[in-house]
Every structure is written in structure tokens, then in C-alpha cells.
């Protein structure tokens, strides 16, 4: 399932820099995650980097975008053609 960012976000930009899929952008008042690019860091990291880098806990799972581990890995492979996933 993709993550989303709650109103707790202070728009510091840390998650934007940490996202391996370039799924996060800075909005007007909070950062925004593109669910089409979010893989929960499957393929790149052991844990979602937006979650581990956020000092206020703003990223949370988005129940509107539920995906299996296999679907997230397939999405990562599509976003990073020719690369070998570090974490599967």
C-alpha cells in the first residue's frame, strides 16, 4: 500500500530527498506522495524512507492504495528498469 502524508507535515523536505522513487514532492503546505510511484521502498530499502526520516511521523499507510508486496516490487522494477532490487 502506498503511503500518504498527513497534516502533521512541517514541509521540511527531508522525505523528498530520501525517496528512492521520486514519489514525493513539496505541496503548498505539506509534502505529497504520488501513489503511482510509491513502493513503500520495496526494492530499495528495508523500511520506507519517508517514515524513517520524518521527525513528526507524517507519513502513514494509505488504505485507498493497497498493494501486495509482489505488486510493490513489480512497480519498483518498472520504475527502475535494468536495476537489481536491493531488498525484495
C-alpha atoms as a PDB file:
ATOM      1  CA  UNK A   1       0.000   0.000   0.000  1.00  0.00           C
ATOM      2  CA  UNK A   2       1.320   3.428  -0.825  1.00  0.00           C
ATOM      3  CA  UNK A   3       1.907   5.972   1.889  1.00  0.00           C
ATOM      4  CA  UNK A   4       0.309   9.377   2.225  1.00  0.00           C
ATOM      5  CA  UNK A   5       1.375  12.397   4.234  1.00  0.00           C
ATOM      6  CA  UNK A   6      -0.881  13.803   6.930  1.00  0.00           C
ATOM      7  CA  UNK A   7      -1.413  17.389   8.062  1.00  0.00           C
ATOM      8  CA  UNK A   8       1.269  16.793  10.706  1.00  0.00           C
ATOM      9  CA  UNK A   9       3.815  17.507   7.946  1.00  0.00           C
ATOM     10  CA  UNK A  10       6.010  20.555   8.514  1.00  0.00           C
ATOM     11  CA  UNK A  11       7.184  20.521   4.868  1.00  0.00           C
ATOM     12  CA  UNK A  12      10.868  20.279   5.799  1.00  0.00           C
ATOM     13  CA  UNK A  13      11.716  18.441   2.569  1.00  0.00           C
ATOM     14  CA  UNK A  14      13.620  15.574   4.182  1.00  0.00           C
ATOM     15  CA  UNK A  15      11.309  12.900   2.788  1.00  0.00           C
ATOM     16  CA  UNK A  16      11.548  14.415  -0.702  1.00  0.00           C
ATOM     17  CA  UNK A  17      15.314  13.881  -0.651  1.00  0.00           C
ATOM     18  CA  UNK A  18      15.102  10.381   0.857  1.00  0.00           C
ATOM     19  CA  UNK A  19      12.548   8.872  -1.543  1.00  0.00           C
ATOM     20  CA  UNK A  20      14.308   6.492  -3.979  1.00  0.00           C
ATOM     21  CA  UNK A  21      11.383   6.645  -6.417  1.00  0.00           C
ATOM     22  CA  UNK A  22      10.960  10.415  -6.595  1.00  0.00           C
ATOM     23  CA  UNK A  23       7.388   9.852  -5.411  1.00  0.00           C
ATOM     24  CA  UNK A  24       7.316  12.803  -3.008  1.00  0.00           C
ATOM     25  CA  UNK A  25       7.034  16.480  -3.861  1.00  0.00           C
ATOM     26  CA  UNK A  26       6.543  19.568  -1.761  1.00  0.00           C
ATOM     27  CA  UNK A  27       2.989  20.887  -1.858  1.00  0.00           C
ATOM     28  CA  UNK A  28       1.773  24.298  -0.706  1.00  0.00           C
ATOM     29  CA  UNK A  29       1.628  23.401   2.986  1.00  0.00           C
ATOM     30  CA  UNK A  30       2.582  19.701   3.177  1.00  0.00           C
ATOM     31  CA  UNK A  31       4.561  17.244   1.085  1.00  0.00           C
ATOM     32  CA  UNK A  32       2.598  14.956  -1.234  1.00  0.00           C
ATOM     33  CA  UNK A  33       3.201  11.320  -2.217  1.00  0.00           C
ATOM     34  CA  UNK A  34       2.338  10.110  -5.725  1.00  0.00           C
ATOM     35  CA  UNK A  35       0.804   6.652  -5.120  1.00  0.00           C
ATOM     36  CA  UNK A  36       1.761   5.591  -8.660  1.00  0.00           C
ATOM     37  CA  UNK A  37       5.455   5.930  -7.701  1.00  0.00           C
ATOM     38  CA  UNK A  38       5.350   4.873  -4.039  1.00  0.00           C
ATOM     39  CA  UNK A  39       6.596   1.317  -3.452  1.00  0.00           C
ATOM     40  CA  UNK A  40       6.992   1.637   0.342  1.00  0.00           C
ATOM     41  CA  UNK A  41      10.691   1.484  -0.623  1.00  0.00           C
ATOM     42  CA  UNK A  42      10.308  -2.196  -1.575  1.00  0.00           C
ATOM     43  CA  UNK A  43      13.227  -2.882  -3.905  1.00  0.00           C
ATOM     44  CA  UNK A  44      15.405  -0.112  -2.492  1.00  0.00           C
ATOM     45  CA  UNK A  45      15.316  -0.204   1.315  1.00  0.00           C
ATOM     46  CA  UNK A  46      14.249  -2.437   4.159  1.00  0.00           C
ATOM     47  CA  UNK A  47      11.875   0.236   5.541  1.00  0.00           C
ATOM     48  CA  UNK A  48      10.005   3.186   3.993  1.00  0.00           C
ATOM     49  CA  UNK A  49      12.476   6.067   3.990  1.00  0.00           C
ATOM     50  CA  UNK A  50       9.796   8.754   4.283  1.00  0.00           C
ATOM     51  CA  UNK A  51       8.669   7.161   7.520  1.00  0.00           C
ATOM     52  CA  UNK A  52      12.130   6.696   8.993  1.00  0.00           C
ATOM     53  CA  UNK A  53      13.301  10.205   8.034  1.00  0.00           C
ATOM     54  CA  UNK A  54      10.227  12.137   9.206  1.00  0.00           C
ATOM     55  CA  UNK A  55      10.625  13.833  12.578  1.00  0.00           C
ATOM     56  CA  UNK A  56       6.865  14.331  13.054  1.00  0.00           C
ATOM     57  CA  UNK A  57       5.518  10.966  11.835  1.00  0.00           C
ATOM     58  CA  UNK A  58       3.519  12.472   8.979  1.00  0.00           C
ATOM     59  CA  UNK A  59       3.765   9.551   6.502  1.00  0.00           C
ATOM     60  CA  UNK A  60       1.149   6.865   7.113  1.00  0.00           C
ATOM     61  CA  UNK A  61      -0.120   3.904   5.065  1.00  0.00           C
ATOM     62  CA  UNK A  62      -2.835   4.963   2.627  1.00  0.00           C
ATOM     63  CA  UNK A  63      -5.712   2.454   2.782  1.00  0.00           C
ATOM     64  CA  UNK A  64      -7.007   3.792  -0.545  1.00  0.00           C
ATOM     65  CA  UNK A  65      -3.930   2.339  -2.285  1.00  0.00           C
ATOM     66  CA  UNK A  66      -3.489  -1.224  -1.035  1.00  0.00           C
ATOM     67  CA  UNK A  67      -0.947  -3.388  -2.862  1.00  0.00           C
ATOM     68  CA  UNK A  68       0.748  -6.688  -2.099  1.00  0.00           C
ATOM     69  CA  UNK A  69       4.485  -6.986  -1.628  1.00  0.00           C
ATOM     70  CA  UNK A  70       4.703  -8.584  -5.079  1.00  0.00           C
ATOM     71  CA  UNK A  71       2.810  -5.670  -6.657  1.00  0.00           C
ATOM     72  CA  UNK A  72       5.097  -3.149  -4.940  1.00  0.00           C
ATOM     73  CA  UNK A  73       8.196  -4.988  -6.164  1.00  0.00           C
ATOM     74  CA  UNK A  74       6.803  -5.130  -9.713  1.00  0.00           C
ATOM     75  CA  UNK A  75       6.138  -1.383  -9.554  1.00  0.00           C
ATOM     76  CA  UNK A  76       9.719  -0.774  -8.348  1.00  0.00           C
ATOM     77  CA  UNK A  77      11.091  -2.867 -11.237  1.00  0.00           C
ATOM     78  CA  UNK A  78       9.007  -0.835 -13.709  1.00  0.00           C
ATOM     79  CA  UNK A  79      10.321   2.438 -12.211  1.00  0.00           C
ATOM     80  CA  UNK A  80      13.938   1.190 -12.238  1.00  0.00           C
ATOM     81  CA  UNK A  81      14.358  -0.915 -15.406  1.00  0.00           C
ATOM     82  CA  UNK A  82      17.605  -2.848 -15.573  1.00  0.00           C
ATOM     83  CA  UNK A  83      18.429  -2.356 -11.876  1.00  0.00           C
ATOM     84  CA  UNK A  84      18.637  -5.186  -9.377  1.00  0.00           C
ATOM     85  CA  UNK A  85      16.483  -4.678  -6.280  1.00  0.00           C
ATOM     86  CA  UNK A  86      18.483  -4.361  -3.063  1.00  0.00           C
ATOM     87  CA  UNK A  87      15.615  -5.576  -0.881  1.00  0.00           C
ATOM     88  CA  UNK A  88      12.873  -7.873  -2.060  1.00  0.00           C
END
